[in-house]
Amino acid sequence: VLIPNVGKIDFYLHTLLMDFVQSLLSQIESLFIVVDKPQFIATSLDNINPSEMSKLQRRKAGRVSKIRGDLCMLSCSPCDAVIFYTAAIDQCQAQLDHEWVAAALA
């Protein structure tokens, strides 16, 4: 990106910054949609074996809500984040997913 030495440097910097922010928000939006696609969301604390798969699938809704809350915070939307975090806390508590409850509260 070339910014001219003379003239409206503020205008060019503002335009560059707006393009950057738009690009970031587009990426966050695509993550918001993609996060719901996998069958389950597992961490290093989870046992991934055939007998545990149904438990991971039941825990998916709460974990997706928590991740969506995180994405809302990244996109500077704390009001929406609170809604997703509250849902995540309720869903994770119902499934006894204590680590993700703690993460949603943090």
C-alpha atoms as a PDB file:
ATOM      1  CA  VAL A   1       0.000   0.000   0.000  1.00  0.00           C
ATOM      2  CA  LEU A   2       1.383   3.338  -1.025  1.00  0.00           C
ATOM      3  CA  ILE A   3       0.497   6.443   0.955  1.00  0.00           C
ATOM      4  CA  PRO A   4       1.361   9.724  -0.744  1.00  0.00           C
ATOM      5  CA  ASN A   5       3.642  12.151   1.109  1.00  0.00           C
ATOM      6  CA  VAL A   6       1.492  15.149   0.351  1.00  0.00           C
ATOM      7  CA  GLY A   7      -2.122  15.848   0.944  1.00  0.00           C
ATOM      8  CA  LYS A   8      -4.641  13.877   2.883  1.00  0.00           C
ATOM      9  CA  ILE A   9      -2.579  11.337   4.820  1.00  0.00           C
ATOM     10  CA  ASP A  10      -5.328  11.122   7.456  1.00  0.00           C
ATOM     11  CA  PHE A  11      -7.829  10.129   4.776  1.00  0.00           C
ATOM     12  CA  TYR A  12      -5.561   7.389   3.414  1.00  0.00           C
ATOM     13  CA  LEU A  13      -4.778   6.020   6.875  1.00  0.00           C
ATOM     14  CA  HIS A  14      -8.463   6.081   7.796  1.00  0.00           C
ATOM     15  CA  THR A  15      -9.345   4.196   4.620  1.00  0.00           C
ATOM     16  CA  LEU A  16      -6.592   1.653   5.213  1.00  0.00           C
ATOM     17  CA  LEU A  17      -7.718   1.103   8.795  1.00  0.00           C
ATOM     18  CA  MET A  18     -11.362   0.708   7.746  1.00  0.00           C
ATOM     19  CA  ASP A  19     -10.387  -1.896   5.151  1.00  0.00           C
ATOM     20  CA  PHE A  20      -8.383  -3.780   7.777  1.00  0.00           C
ATOM     21  CA  VAL A  21     -11.256  -3.745  10.284  1.00  0.00           C
ATOM     22  CA  GLN A  22     -13.707  -4.897   7.615  1.00  0.00           C
ATOM     23  CA  SER A  23     -11.407  -7.783   6.766  1.00  0.00           C
ATOM     24  CA  LEU A  24     -11.142  -8.801  10.437  1.00  0.00           C
ATOM     25  CA  LEU A  25     -14.899  -8.678  10.946  1.00  0.00           C
ATOM     26  CA  SER A  26     -15.460 -10.771   7.817  1.00  0.00           C
ATOM     27  CA  GLN A  27     -13.107 -13.433   9.151  1.00  0.00           C
ATOM     28  CA  ILE A  28     -14.817 -13.424  12.553  1.00  0.00           C
ATOM     29  CA  GLU A  29     -18.198 -13.758  10.833  1.00  0.00           C
ATOM     30  CA  SER A  30     -16.998 -16.783   8.879  1.00  0.00           C
ATOM     31  CA  LEU A  31     -15.723 -18.380  12.109  1.00  0.00           C
ATOM     32  CA  PHE A  32     -19.092 -17.687  13.744  1.00  0.00           C
ATOM     33  CA  ILE A  33     -20.783 -19.802  11.071  1.00  0.00           C
ATOM     34  CA  VAL A  34     -18.137 -22.547  10.855  1.00  0.00           C
ATOM     35  CA  VAL A  35     -17.934 -23.236  14.601  1.00  0.00           C
ATOM     36  CA  ASP A  36     -21.213 -25.196  14.510  1.00  0.00           C
ATOM     37  CA  LYS A  37     -20.155 -27.630  11.758  1.00  0.00           C
ATOM     38  CA  PRO A  38     -18.044 -30.279  13.529  1.00  0.00           C
ATOM     39  CA  GLN A  39     -19.780 -33.198  15.277  1.00  0.00           C
ATOM     40  CA  PHE A  40     -18.190 -32.281  18.586  1.00  0.00           C
ATOM     41  CA  ILE A  41     -15.689 -29.889  20.135  1.00  0.00           C
ATOM     42  CA  ALA A  42     -12.951 -31.533  22.161  1.00  0.00           C
ATOM     43  CA  THR A  43     -10.026 -30.229  24.163  1.00  0.00           C
ATOM     44  CA  SER A  44      -6.934 -31.916  25.532  1.00  0.00           C
ATOM     45  CA  LEU A  45      -8.900 -32.544  28.757  1.00  0.00           C
ATOM     46  CA  ASP A  46     -11.461 -34.729  26.949  1.00  0.00           C
ATOM     47  CA  ASN A  47     -11.150 -38.447  26.316  1.00  0.00           C
ATOM     48  CA  ILE A  48     -11.794 -39.028  22.649  1.00  0.00           C
ATOM     49  CA  ASN A  49     -12.842 -42.654  22.427  1.00  0.00           C
ATOM     50  CA  PRO A  50     -16.012 -44.285  21.091  1.00  0.00           C
ATOM     51  CA  SER A  51     -17.628 -44.575  24.527  1.00  0.00           C
ATOM     52  CA  GLU A  52     -17.192 -40.817  25.176  1.00  0.00           C
ATOM     53  CA  MET A  53     -18.455 -39.583  21.790  1.00  0.00           C
ATOM     54  CA  SER A  54     -22.089 -39.222  22.852  1.00  0.00           C
ATOM     55  CA  LYS A  55     -21.035 -37.148  25.876  1.00  0.00           C
ATOM     56  CA  LEU A  56     -18.965 -34.851  23.642  1.00  0.00           C
ATOM     57  CA  GLN A  57     -21.871 -34.479  21.235  1.00  0.00           C
ATOM     58  CA  ARG A  58     -24.210 -33.518  24.101  1.00  0.00           C
ATOM     59  CA  ARG A  59     -21.689 -30.927  25.318  1.00  0.00           C
ATOM     60  CA  LYS A  60     -21.333 -29.347  21.874  1.00  0.00           C
ATOM     61  CA  ALA A  61     -24.175 -26.803  22.234  1.00  0.00           C
ATOM     62  CA  GLY A  62     -22.695 -25.214  25.358  1.00  0.00           C
ATOM     63  CA  ARG A  63     -19.209 -25.151  23.904  1.00  0.00           C
ATOM     64  CA  VAL A  64     -20.441 -23.558  20.679  1.00  0.00           C
ATOM     65  CA  SER A  65     -22.243 -20.875  22.692  1.00  0.00           C
ATOM     66  CA  LYS A  66     -19.043 -20.139  24.626  1.00  0.00           C
ATOM     67  CA  ILE A  67     -16.986 -19.864  21.432  1.00  0.00           C
ATOM     68  CA  ARG A  68     -19.611 -17.586  19.882  1.00  0.00           C
ATOM     69  CA  GLY A  69     -19.409 -15.402  22.979  1.00  0.00           C
ATOM     70  CA  ASP A  70     -15.653 -15.190  22.481  1.00  0.00           C
ATOM     71  CA  LEU A  71     -16.146 -14.202  18.844  1.00  0.00           C
ATOM     72  CA  CYS A  72     -18.631 -11.503  19.874  1.00  0.00           C
ATOM     73  CA  MET A  73     -16.047 -10.096  22.263  1.00  0.00           C
ATOM     74  CA  LEU A  74     -13.451 -10.088  19.473  1.00  0.00           C
ATOM     75  CA  SER A  75     -15.852  -8.142  17.283  1.00  0.00           C
ATOM     76  CA  CYS A  76     -16.493  -5.585  20.080  1.00  0.00           C
ATOM     77  CA  SER A  77     -20.048  -6.682  20.822  1.00  0.00           C
ATOM     78  CA  PRO A  78     -20.141  -7.306  24.588  1.00  0.00           C
ATOM     79  CA  CYS A  79     -23.953  -7.233  24.810  1.00  0.00           C
ATOM     80  CA  ASP A  80     -24.213 -10.153  22.389  1.00  0.00           C
ATOM     81  CA  ALA A  81     -21.331 -11.896  24.144  1.00  0.00           C
ATOM     82  CA  VAL A  82     -23.186 -11.809  27.470  1.00  0.00           C
ATOM     83  CA  ILE A  83     -26.162 -13.545  25.843  1.00  0.00           C
ATOM     84  CA  PHE A  84     -23.959 -16.320  24.450  1.00  0.00           C
ATOM     85  CA  TYR A  85     -21.943 -16.680  27.674  1.00  0.00           C
ATOM     86  CA  THR A  86     -25.139 -16.938  29.736  1.00  0.00           C
ATOM     87  CA  ALA A  87     -26.460 -19.643  27.412  1.00  0.00           C
ATOM     88  CA  ALA A  88     -23.097 -21.425  27.564  1.00  0.00           C
ATOM     89  CA  ILE A  89     -23.104 -21.415  31.362  1.00  0.00           C
ATOM     90  CA  ASP A  90     -26.608 -22.886  31.498  1.00  0.00           C
ATOM     91  CA  GLN A  91     -25.912 -25.524  28.835  1.00  0.00           C
ATOM     92  CA  CYS A  92     -22.521 -26.520  30.225  1.00  0.00           C
ATOM     93  CA  GLN A  93     -23.827 -26.788  33.791  1.00  0.00           C
ATOM     94  CA  ALA A  94     -26.600 -29.084  32.577  1.00  0.00           C
ATOM     95  CA  GLN A  95     -23.975 -31.384  31.000  1.00  0.00           C
ATOM     96  CA  LEU A  96     -21.552 -31.157  33.969  1.00  0.00           C
ATOM     97  CA  ASP A  97     -18.928 -29.578  31.720  1.00  0.00           C
ATOM     98  CA  HIS A  98     -17.169 -27.729  34.527  1.00  0.00           C
ATOM     99  CA  GLU A  99     -14.101 -26.529  32.602  1.00  0.00           C
ATOM    100  CA  TRP A 100     -16.245 -24.804  29.993  1.00  0.00           C
ATOM    101  CA  VAL A 101     -18.494 -23.286  32.687  1.00  0.00           C
ATOM    102  CA  ALA A 102     -15.374 -21.782  34.237  1.00  0.00           C
ATOM    103  CA  ALA A 103     -14.192 -20.543  30.845  1.00  0.00           C
ATOM    104  CA  ALA A 104     -17.567 -18.887  30.159  1.00  0.00           C
ATOM    105  CA  LEU A 105     -17.446 -17.183  33.561  1.00  0.00           C
ATOM    106  CA  ALA A 106     -13.900 -15.883  33.082  1.00  0.00           C
END
